[in-house]
Protein backbone atom coordinates (compact mmCIF):
# COMPACT_ATOMS: atom_id res chain seq x y z
CA MET A 1 49.15 -25.73 50.07
CA ASN A 2 48.97 -22.02 49.19
CA LEU A 3 52.29 -22.33 47.34
CA ASN A 4 50.89 -25.17 45.23
CA LYS A 5 47.88 -23.07 44.30
CA ILE A 6 50.10 -20.18 43.24
CA LEU A 7 52.24 -22.46 41.08
CA LEU A 8 49.14 -23.96 39.46
CA LEU A 9 47.82 -20.48 38.66
CA LEU A 10 51.12 -19.42 37.05
CA ILE A 11 51.21 -22.57 34.91
CA SER A 12 47.61 -21.93 33.76
CA LEU A 13 48.44 -18.37 32.72
CA VAL A 14 51.43 -19.54 30.68
CA VAL A 15 49.33 -22.17 28.90
CA PHE A 16 46.55 -19.63 28.18
CA SER A 17 49.05 -17.11 26.78
CA ALA A 18 50.56 -19.74 24.54
CA CYS A 19 47.15 -20.72 23.13
CA VAL A 20 45.92 -17.20 22.45
CA GLN A 21 48.35 -15.15 20.38
CA ASP A 22 46.08 -12.09 19.97
CA ASP A 23 42.54 -10.89 20.56
CA ASP A 24 41.27 -11.53 17.03
CA PHE A 25 38.33 -13.83 17.77
CA LYS A 26 36.63 -14.35 14.41
CA THR A 27 33.43 -16.19 13.71
CA PRO A 28 34.40 -19.38 11.92
CA ASN A 29 33.35 -19.70 8.31
CA VAL A 30 30.24 -21.82 7.90
CA THR A 31 30.08 -23.75 4.67
CA ILE A 32 26.57 -24.66 3.57
CA VAL A 33 26.44 -28.01 1.85
CA GLU A 34 23.82 -28.42 -0.86
CA PRO A 35 21.11 -30.58 0.72
CA THR A 36 20.11 -33.99 -0.54
CA LEU A 37 16.38 -33.99 -1.18
CA ASP A 38 14.20 -37.08 -0.97
CA GLY A 39 11.67 -35.82 -3.49
CA PRO A 40 11.21 -33.77 -6.67
CA VAL A 41 11.44 -29.97 -6.74
CA VAL A 42 8.40 -27.95 -7.85
CA THR A 43 8.12 -24.25 -8.62
CA MET A 44 6.32 -21.65 -6.57
CA SER A 45 4.18 -20.93 -9.62
CA SER A 46 2.89 -24.50 -9.61
CA VAL A 47 2.03 -24.20 -5.92
CA ALA A 48 0.17 -20.94 -6.58
CA GLY A 49 -1.60 -22.66 -9.46
CA GLN A 50 -2.82 -25.43 -7.16
CA VAL A 51 -4.30 -22.79 -4.87
CA ALA A 52 -6.12 -21.21 -7.82
CA GLN A 53 -7.48 -24.61 -8.85
CA SER A 54 -8.56 -25.67 -5.37
CA GLY A 55 -12.23 -25.08 -6.00
CA GLY A 56 -12.55 -21.91 -3.97
CA LEU A 57 -10.94 -23.36 -0.84
CA HIS A 58 -8.63 -20.96 0.94
CA LEU A 59 -6.36 -23.73 2.15
CA PHE A 60 -5.45 -27.21 1.08
CA ASP A 61 -3.21 -29.86 2.60
CA PHE A 62 -0.08 -31.17 0.90
CA ASP A 63 -0.36 -34.76 2.09
CA GLY A 64 1.02 -36.55 -0.95
CA ALA A 65 4.59 -37.23 -2.01
CA SER A 66 7.43 -35.29 -0.44
CA ASN A 67 7.71 -32.54 -3.04
CA TYR A 68 9.94 -29.55 -2.33
CA MET A 69 9.20 -25.97 -3.34
CA GLU A 70 12.19 -23.77 -4.13
CA GLY A 71 12.41 -20.02 -3.65
CA TYR A 72 14.63 -17.12 -2.59
CA VAL A 73 14.45 -15.25 0.72
CA ILE A 74 13.55 -11.54 0.45
CA SER A 75 12.71 -10.65 4.07
CA THR A 76 14.82 -10.30 7.20
CA ASP A 77 13.78 -9.99 10.83
CA GLU A 78 17.13 -8.50 11.83
CA GLY A 79 15.57 -5.05 12.23
CA GLY A 80 12.46 -6.34 13.99
CA ASN A 81 10.02 -5.38 11.24
CA TRP A 82 9.11 -9.02 10.57
CA PHE A 83 8.37 -11.63 13.23
CA GLU A 84 8.26 -15.37 12.67
CA GLU A 85 7.53 -14.84 8.97
CA LEU A 86 9.76 -15.67 6.03
CA ILE A 87 8.90 -14.09 2.67
CA ILE A 88 10.22 -15.83 -0.42
CA GLN A 89 9.84 -15.29 -4.17
CA ASP A 90 10.46 -17.57 -7.13
CA LYS A 91 13.39 -15.76 -8.76
CA LEU A 92 16.15 -13.34 -7.82
CA GLU A 93 15.15 -11.06 -10.71
CA ASN A 94 11.81 -10.49 -12.46
CA PRO A 95 9.85 -12.63 -9.98
CA THR A 96 6.30 -13.75 -10.70
CA VAL A 97 5.07 -15.19 -7.40
CA GLY A 98 5.80 -14.76 -3.70
CA ILE A 99 4.70 -16.67 -0.60
CA LYS A 100 4.75 -15.87 3.10
CA ILE A 101 5.87 -18.78 5.30
CA LEU A 102 4.70 -18.82 8.92
CA LEU A 103 7.45 -20.27 11.13
CA ASP A 104 7.56 -20.41 14.94
CA VAL A 105 11.26 -19.52 15.03
CA ASN A 106 12.96 -16.28 16.06
CA PRO A 107 15.33 -14.96 14.80
CA LEU A 108 15.34 -16.18 11.22
CA PHE A 109 17.95 -13.91 9.61
CA THR A 110 20.84 -15.89 11.12
CA LYS A 111 19.94 -18.85 8.91
CA TYR A 112 17.94 -17.40 6.06
CA ASP A 113 19.78 -14.39 4.68
CA ILE A 114 18.31 -12.27 1.90
CA GLY A 115 19.01 -13.88 -1.46
CA ARG A 116 19.42 -17.37 0.02
CA LYS A 117 17.79 -20.16 -1.95
CA ILE A 118 15.74 -22.54 0.17
CA TYR A 119 13.73 -25.70 -0.35
CA VAL A 120 10.45 -26.16 1.51
CA ARG A 121 9.18 -29.70 2.09
CA LEU A 122 5.49 -29.49 1.23
CA GLN A 123 4.23 -32.66 2.85
CA GLY A 124 1.85 -31.77 5.68
CA LEU A 125 1.77 -28.05 4.85
CA SER A 126 -1.08 -25.88 3.64
CA VAL A 127 -1.11 -22.75 1.53
CA GLY A 128 -3.86 -20.31 0.69
CA ASP A 129 -4.98 -16.73 0.38
CA ILE A 130 -4.82 -15.44 3.96
CA ASP A 131 -5.65 -11.75 4.44
CA GLY A 132 -5.01 -11.10 0.76
CA VAL A 133 -1.58 -12.76 0.38
CA LEU A 134 -0.42 -16.31 -0.35
CA THR A 135 0.50 -17.78 3.03
CA MET A 136 2.00 -21.17 3.92
CA GLY A 137 1.89 -22.99 7.25
CA ILE A 138 0.30 -25.99 8.89
CA ILE A 139 -3.45 -26.39 8.82
CA SER A 140 -5.24 -25.79 12.12
CA ASN A 141 -8.37 -27.37 13.54
CA ILE A 142 -10.39 -24.37 12.38
CA GLY A 143 -9.10 -24.54 8.80
CA ASN A 144 -6.64 -21.67 9.06
CA ALA A 145 -2.87 -21.54 8.58
CA GLU A 146 -0.70 -21.70 11.69
CA LYS A 147 3.04 -21.41 12.18
CA ILE A 148 5.25 -24.35 11.36
CA PRO A 149 6.52 -25.48 14.80
CA ALA A 150 10.18 -24.98 15.67
CA PHE A 151 10.81 -28.71 16.05
CA SER A 152 9.80 -29.19 12.39
CA GLU A 153 12.00 -26.42 10.98
CA GLU A 154 15.02 -28.48 9.95
CA GLU A 155 13.02 -31.19 8.20
CA THR A 156 10.73 -28.63 6.54
CA ILE A 157 13.17 -25.98 5.30
CA LYS A 158 16.49 -26.82 3.68
CA ARG A 159 19.09 -24.17 2.93
CA SER A 160 20.77 -24.30 -0.44
CA SER A 161 24.39 -23.35 -0.94
CA GLU A 162 23.15 -20.98 -3.65
CA SER A 163 22.79 -17.31 -2.75
CA GLY A 164 22.53 -14.21 -4.91
CA THR A 165 21.52 -10.57 -5.10
CA VAL A 166 17.81 -9.86 -5.16
CA VAL A 167 17.00 -7.30 -7.86
CA PRO A 168 13.84 -5.38 -6.93
CA LEU A 169 10.96 -5.30 -9.39
CA THR A 170 10.19 -1.67 -10.27
CA LEU A 171 6.47 -0.89 -9.96
CA THR A 172 4.21 2.14 -9.72
CA PHE A 173 1.22 2.25 -7.38
CA ASN A 174 -1.26 1.64 -10.18
CA GLU A 175 0.63 -1.52 -11.14
CA PHE A 176 0.00 -3.15 -7.76
CA SER A 177 -2.06 -6.33 -7.96
CA ASN A 178 -2.78 -9.35 -5.80
CA ASP A 179 -0.41 -11.56 -7.78
CA LYS A 180 2.47 -9.17 -7.01
CA THR A 181 2.16 -9.39 -3.23
CA ASN A 182 5.10 -10.95 -1.36
CA LEU A 183 7.50 -9.62 -4.01
CA PHE A 184 10.56 -7.42 -3.49
CA VAL A 185 9.59 -4.17 -5.19
CA LYS A 186 11.26 -0.85 -5.95
CA LEU A 187 9.25 2.37 -5.65
CA GLU A 188 10.84 5.35 -7.37
CA ASP A 189 10.33 9.05 -6.62
CA VAL A 190 7.89 8.82 -3.71
CA GLN A 191 7.37 10.90 -0.58
CA PHE A 192 5.48 10.78 2.68
CA ASN A 193 2.36 12.92 2.84
CA ARG A 194 3.05 16.47 3.98
CA ASP A 195 0.79 16.05 7.02
CA GLU A 196 3.01 13.17 8.19
CA VAL A 197 6.42 14.84 7.98
CA LEU A 198 6.11 18.63 7.82
CA GLY A 199 5.22 21.00 10.62
CA ALA A 200 6.05 21.13 14.31
CA ASP A 201 5.48 17.43 15.03
CA PRO A 202 6.85 15.26 12.22
CA LYS A 203 6.01 11.60 12.60
CA THR A 204 8.33 8.70 13.28
CA PHE A 205 8.20 5.31 11.59
CA ALA A 206 6.08 3.76 14.34
CA SER A 207 6.45 5.33 17.79
CA GLU A 208 3.50 7.70 17.95
CA MET A 209 0.98 7.44 20.79
CA SER A 210 -1.66 6.38 18.27
CA ASP A 211 0.45 3.53 16.84
CA SER A 212 -0.82 0.11 17.89
CA PHE A 213 1.03 -2.96 16.54
CA ASP A 214 1.92 -1.04 13.36
CA GLY A 215 2.57 2.54 12.40
CA GLU A 216 0.74 3.35 9.18
CA ARG A 217 1.92 6.31 7.10
CA LEU A 218 0.64 7.65 3.78
CA LEU A 219 3.15 7.32 0.95
CA GLU A 220 2.56 9.28 -2.27
CA SER A 221 3.99 9.06 -5.77
CA CYS A 222 5.55 12.09 -7.41
CA THR A 223 5.18 10.62 -10.91
CA THR A 224 1.83 8.80 -11.01
CA GLU A 225 -1.57 9.06 -9.38
CA GLY A 226 -2.42 7.43 -6.07
CA SER A 227 -0.97 6.58 -2.69
CA VAL A 228 -0.30 3.55 -0.50
CA ILE A 229 0.08 2.79 3.21
CA PHE A 230 3.66 2.38 4.44
CA SER A 231 3.56 0.04 7.44
CA THR A 232 6.15 -0.41 10.20
CA SER A 233 5.94 -2.69 13.23
CA THR A 234 5.98 -1.03 16.64
CA PHE A 235 8.57 -3.68 17.54
CA ALA A 236 10.99 -2.55 14.82
CA ASP A 237 14.39 -1.36 16.02
CA PHE A 238 14.03 1.79 13.92
CA LYS A 239 10.48 2.71 14.95
CA SER A 240 11.57 5.92 16.71
CA LEU A 241 13.41 7.38 13.70
CA ASN A 242 11.77 10.30 11.93
CA LEU A 243 10.37 9.67 8.46
CA PRO A 244 12.23 11.20 5.50
CA THR A 245 10.86 14.61 4.60
CA THR A 246 12.03 14.67 0.98
CA ARG A 247 11.46 12.58 -2.13
CA VAL A 248 12.97 9.11 -1.92
CA SER A 249 13.18 5.75 -3.64
CA MET A 250 12.73 2.58 -1.61
CA ASN A 251 12.88 -1.18 -1.83
CA VAL A 252 9.84 -2.72 -0.16
CA ILE A 253 7.89 -5.93 0.12
CA LEU A 254 4.36 -5.54 -1.24
CA SER A 255 1.78 -6.86 1.21
CA LYS A 256 -1.78 -6.26 2.42
CA ASN A 257 -3.21 -4.74 5.59
CA PHE A 258 -4.60 -6.78 8.50
CA PHE A 259 -8.00 -7.11 6.81
CA GLY A 260 -6.55 -7.99 3.41
CA ASP A 261 -8.48 -5.24 1.64
CA ALA A 262 -5.75 -2.66 0.91
CA PHE A 263 -2.14 -2.77 -0.20
CA ASN A 264 0.67 -2.03 2.24
CA VAL A 265 4.39 -1.73 1.68
CA VAL A 266 7.00 -2.79 4.25
CA VAL A 267 10.77 -2.21 4.36
CA ASN A 268 13.26 -4.60 5.90
CA SER A 269 15.23 -1.67 7.31
CA PRO A 270 15.73 2.10 6.75
CA GLU A 271 18.74 1.19 4.60
CA ASP A 272 16.22 0.24 1.91
CA ILE A 273 15.32 3.93 1.57
CA THR A 274 17.51 6.23 -0.54
CA PHE A 275 17.10 9.96 -1.07
CA SER A 276 16.33 11.05 -4.62
CA SER A 277 15.64 14.80 -4.37
CA SER A 278 15.75 17.54 -1.76
CA GLU A 279 12.53 19.00 -3.17
CA ARG A 280 8.99 17.79 -2.57
CA CYS A 281 6.14 17.36 -5.06
CA ASP A 282 3.29 18.60 -2.87
CA PRO A 283 0.24 19.88 -4.77
CA ILE A 284 -0.93 23.46 -4.77
CA GLU A 285 -3.71 23.85 -2.20
CA LEU A 286 -6.71 26.12 -1.90
CA GLU A 287 -7.07 26.00 1.85
CA CYS A 288 -9.45 28.66 3.15
CA GLY A 289 -11.12 26.56 5.83
CA LEU A 290 -14.85 26.18 6.34
CA ALA A 291 -17.14 29.20 6.13
CA ALA A 292 -19.60 30.03 8.90
CA THR A 293 -22.38 31.01 6.51
CA THR A 294 -23.54 30.33 2.95
CA GLY A 295 -24.45 33.26 0.74
CA THR A 296 -27.78 33.63 -1.00
CA ASN A 297 -26.34 34.34 -4.46
CA ASN A 298 -26.21 30.97 -6.20
CA LEU A 299 -23.51 30.79 -8.88
CA PHE A 300 -23.92 27.13 -9.85
CA GLU A 301 -25.91 24.14 -8.67
CA ASP A 302 -26.95 20.68 -9.82
CA ASP A 303 -28.95 17.94 -8.12
CA PHE A 304 -28.79 15.85 -11.33
CA GLU A 305 -32.57 15.37 -11.44
CA GLY A 306 -32.62 16.60 -15.03
CA GLN A 307 -30.05 14.03 -16.19
CA SER A 308 -30.89 10.83 -18.08
CA THR A 309 -30.09 7.80 -15.93
CA ASN A 310 -27.38 5.42 -17.12
CA SER A 311 -26.06 8.15 -19.41
CA LEU A 312 -22.99 10.34 -19.02
CA ILE A 313 -23.57 13.62 -17.18
CA SER A 314 -23.99 16.43 -19.69
CA GLY A 315 -25.33 19.96 -20.00
CA ASN A 316 -25.58 22.63 -17.28
CA GLY A 317 -22.02 23.72 -18.06
CA TRP A 318 -20.42 20.42 -17.01
CA THR A 319 -17.32 19.03 -18.72
CA ASN A 320 -17.34 15.24 -18.41
CA PHE A 321 -13.84 14.18 -19.45
CA ILE A 322 -12.45 10.64 -19.52
CA GLU A 323 -8.67 10.96 -19.28
CA ALA A 324 -7.95 7.22 -19.09
CA GLY A 325 -10.02 4.07 -19.41
CA SER A 326 -13.63 3.74 -20.46
CA GLU A 327 -15.63 5.00 -17.48
CA GLY A 328 -17.02 8.50 -16.96
CA TRP A 329 -19.43 10.22 -14.58
CA GLU A 330 -23.00 9.01 -15.23
CA ALA A 331 -26.47 9.61 -13.80
CA PHE A 332 -28.12 6.79 -11.85
CA THR A 333 -30.89 5.87 -9.48
CA ALA A 334 -30.76 3.04 -6.94
CA GLY A 335 -32.62 1.81 -3.91
CA GLY A 336 -31.63 -0.50 -1.08
CA THR A 337 -28.83 0.02 1.41
CA ASN A 338 -26.83 2.24 -0.93
CA ALA A 339 -29.61 4.32 -2.41
CA SER A 340 -29.22 7.36 -4.59
CA GLN A 341 -30.87 10.64 -3.61
CA GLY A 342 -33.32 10.64 -6.47
CA VAL A 343 -31.02 10.94 -9.47
CA SER A 344 -27.35 11.19 -8.50
CA ALA A 345 -24.01 11.07 -10.31
CA ARG A 346 -21.52 8.23 -9.96
CA VAL A 347 -18.27 6.92 -11.36
CA GLY A 348 -16.46 3.62 -10.85
CA SER A 349 -14.27 1.07 -12.57
CA PHE A 350 -15.85 -2.20 -11.44
CA ASN A 351 -15.66 -4.84 -14.21
CA SER A 352 -14.27 -2.22 -16.60
CA GLY A 353 -11.11 -4.11 -17.49
CA ASP A 354 -9.30 -0.76 -17.51
CA ALA A 355 -5.61 -0.72 -16.63
CA SER A 356 -6.24 2.84 -15.44
CA THR A 357 -9.43 4.84 -14.96
CA ILE A 358 -9.27 8.62 -14.58
CA ALA A 359 -12.51 10.57 -14.93
CA TRP A 360 -13.19 14.30 -14.46
CA LEU A 361 -16.44 16.17 -13.86
CA ILE A 362 -15.68 19.89 -14.10
CA THR A 363 -17.93 22.82 -13.23
CA PRO A 364 -18.31 26.00 -15.27
CA GLN A 365 -15.91 28.84 -14.51
CA ILE A 366 -16.38 30.67 -11.20
CA ASP A 367 -15.22 34.28 -10.75
CA LEU A 368 -13.69 34.75 -7.29
CA ASP A 369 -12.75 38.39 -7.91
CA THR A 370 -16.23 39.75 -8.56
CA ASN A 371 -17.99 37.50 -6.05
CA ALA A 372 -17.42 37.72 -2.30
CA GLY A 373 -17.64 34.89 0.21
CA VAL A 374 -17.79 32.08 -2.36
CA THR A 375 -18.48 28.63 -0.88
CA LEU A 376 -18.71 25.08 -2.23
CA ASN A 377 -21.06 22.36 -0.96
CA PHE A 378 -21.75 18.81 -2.15
CA GLU A 379 -22.46 15.32 -0.84
CA THR A 380 -20.62 12.06 -1.54
CA SER A 381 -21.15 8.38 -0.95
CA SER A 382 -19.18 5.32 -1.98
CA SER A 383 -19.66 1.67 -2.84
CA PHE A 384 -16.57 -0.02 -1.43
CA SER A 385 -14.13 2.55 -2.76
CA ASP A 386 -11.17 0.28 -1.93
CA GLY A 387 -7.96 1.78 -3.31
CA SER A 388 -9.71 4.08 -5.77
CA GLU A 389 -9.71 7.79 -4.97
CA MET A 390 -11.84 10.86 -5.50
CA GLU A 391 -10.28 14.31 -5.26
CA ILE A 392 -11.71 17.82 -5.35
CA VAL A 393 -9.33 19.95 -7.39
CA PHE A 394 -9.28 23.45 -8.87
CA SER A 395 -7.53 25.27 -11.70
CA ASN A 396 -6.89 28.91 -12.56
CA ASP A 397 -5.34 28.23 -15.95
CA TRP A 398 -7.50 25.57 -17.62
CA ASP A 399 -8.57 26.76 -21.07
CA GLY A 400 -12.01 25.11 -20.88
CA THR A 401 -11.29 22.40 -23.47
CA GLU A 402 -11.02 18.64 -22.94
CA ALA A 403 -7.67 18.70 -24.72
CA GLY A 404 -6.36 21.17 -22.16
CA VAL A 405 -7.39 19.31 -18.98
CA THR A 406 -4.19 17.36 -18.47
CA SER A 407 -1.89 20.27 -19.35
CA ALA A 408 -3.56 22.67 -16.90
CA THR A 409 -2.34 23.21 -13.35
CA TRP A 410 -4.64 21.61 -10.79
CA GLY A 411 -4.49 22.01 -7.02
CA LEU A 412 -6.37 20.45 -4.13
CA VAL A 413 -9.42 21.92 -2.43
CA SER A 414 -8.15 20.34 0.76
CA ASP A 415 -10.90 21.38 3.20
CA ALA A 416 -13.66 19.54 1.32
CA TYR A 417 -14.65 16.24 2.92
CA VAL A 418 -14.99 13.28 0.55
CA THR A 419 -16.35 9.99 1.86
CA GLN A 420 -13.62 7.59 2.96
CA ASP A 421 -13.32 3.84 2.44
CA ASN A 422 -13.99 3.23 6.15
CA ASP A 423 -17.23 5.27 6.09
CA PHE A 424 -20.44 3.26 5.98
CA PHE A 425 -21.11 2.63 2.29
CA GLY A 426 -24.85 3.30 2.59
CA ASP A 427 -24.54 6.83 3.95
CA TRP A 428 -24.12 10.18 2.26
CA PHE A 429 -21.59 12.65 3.69
CA GLU A 430 -21.61 16.43 3.44
CA SER A 431 -18.48 18.19 2.22
CA GLY A 432 -18.75 20.95 4.77
CA ASN A 433 -19.33 24.57 3.81
CA VAL A 434 -16.02 24.90 1.97
CA ASP A 435 -14.69 28.46 1.84
CA LEU A 436 -13.14 29.45 -1.51
CA SER A 437 -12.78 33.15 -0.75
CA CYS A 438 -9.00 33.09 -0.20
CA GLY A 439 -8.56 32.20 -3.88
CA SER A 440 -8.52 34.68 -6.72
CA GLY A 441 -9.27 34.98 -10.40
CA GLN A 442 -11.35 32.64 -12.51
CA ILE A 443 -11.35 29.05 -11.27
CA TYR A 444 -12.86 25.72 -12.21
CA ILE A 445 -13.77 23.03 -9.67
CA ALA A 446 -13.38 19.39 -10.68
CA PHE A 447 -14.44 16.08 -9.14
CA LYS A 448 -11.65 13.72 -10.17
CA TYR A 449 -11.83 9.93 -9.90
CA ILE A 450 -8.73 7.69 -9.99
CA GLY A 451 -9.04 3.91 -10.13
CA SER A 452 -8.65 0.86 -12.36
CA GLY A 453 -10.35 -2.38 -13.28
CA GLN A 454 -8.28 -4.31 -10.73
CA SER A 455 -10.33 -5.52 -7.77
CA ASP A 456 -8.39 -3.44 -5.26
CA PHE A 457 -8.89 -0.20 -7.21
CA ASP A 458 -12.36 -0.56 -8.78
CA GLY A 459 -14.52 1.22 -6.21
CA THR A 460 -17.44 3.54 -7.00
CA TYR A 461 -18.09 7.10 -5.80
CA GLU A 462 -21.45 8.88 -5.85
CA LEU A 463 -22.01 12.64 -5.97
CA ASP A 464 -25.04 14.87 -5.41
CA PHE A 465 -26.31 18.35 -4.45
CA VAL A 466 -23.41 20.37 -5.84
CA SER A 467 -23.81 24.05 -5.02
CA ILE A 468 -21.49 27.07 -5.36
CA ASP A 469 -22.75 30.25 -3.72
CA ALA A 470 -21.63 33.80 -2.96
CA GLN A 471 -22.68 36.58 -0.61
């Protein structure tokens, strides 16, 4: 009996050796056959148009004929930065519309590689503006979009044999708009904020103690105004990697945050980030801290009570300069939940139609050499500032003319507090007693507004009780 078992084993080994000539086990080639569709193909633009024409409804049900929407995959969950979401856009190059598809399947990258053309059967699906981006799924009992169930995947999504290279759409921050979300975008010459990556504790993509669900980092442009949040899932494979410290270019998918009120950018993997320069473009900073006391020698002040409401701020040594757009700093009064403090100053780009709004309100010259212990105080409020920004900047070399504003060197007064978008819009916030004494020479202080007429960048800032004092 034992001899028979030995003989059987020897025969099996010979047969196995004959069948396997080497150890080159390759994955067989999978040929994708172009699917046969049982209905007409419609564009993603037409689907987006139906959403726009839906009478204000966020979602509507495709319960008619079995139309198919075609698009190209631009996301991958291979690195863990996307989960049960498939982002597609209408064209490989120069896209005009993108849609997020919710799908209860994981992983997705094994079937839907980047650049793969797919057809989505629309019957029984819904699409609408969910958290600021076009999102497709099945309609729930509460009128929201839910994930397409796994058992419906094969009948809902058909892979085409067509696949190509996705060419990113180059954009700057101020070109972001709602209709460009869910698109594959290239950002050139950007960097992470110095507080995120410089110093003793540089941040990772998304593995800090404070990161919950997503790590959110501030990304700045070295060529244009503004910044954007760079978001990474805490489930991403690369979450523990340190952020780049230098200037980079990156290919991202433009999205919105959880609340749908601010733009976010998301990478598929760190391979989408390429280094562009070993130098950084950080601004000059006047960073003296906060002073313990305020001197009694007033050098400049304005509570705007002498200004004419609904007119541009003028007089008292102010320079009110509109660098871009049509909006400048004006005097106003208002009651209600967002009241002025008597007469106050404000600037905003709501309903302006401006592609870009940049407005400056600049103080008279202040001599830091002949005055000791100089401090700056002011108060700010905002009316849904959104993605617009207000900065406090200074210059030692401005020539005092409007023509010279943009050619002068301006740095940040980084210790001054300016109201944030998450502050209650009805409150006024003090700047703190900002110490300017570590500076030197003759300086100008400017309140600079950056926004646009787009709904995500058209916020309003209010300013009052500006005072510069010395000992």
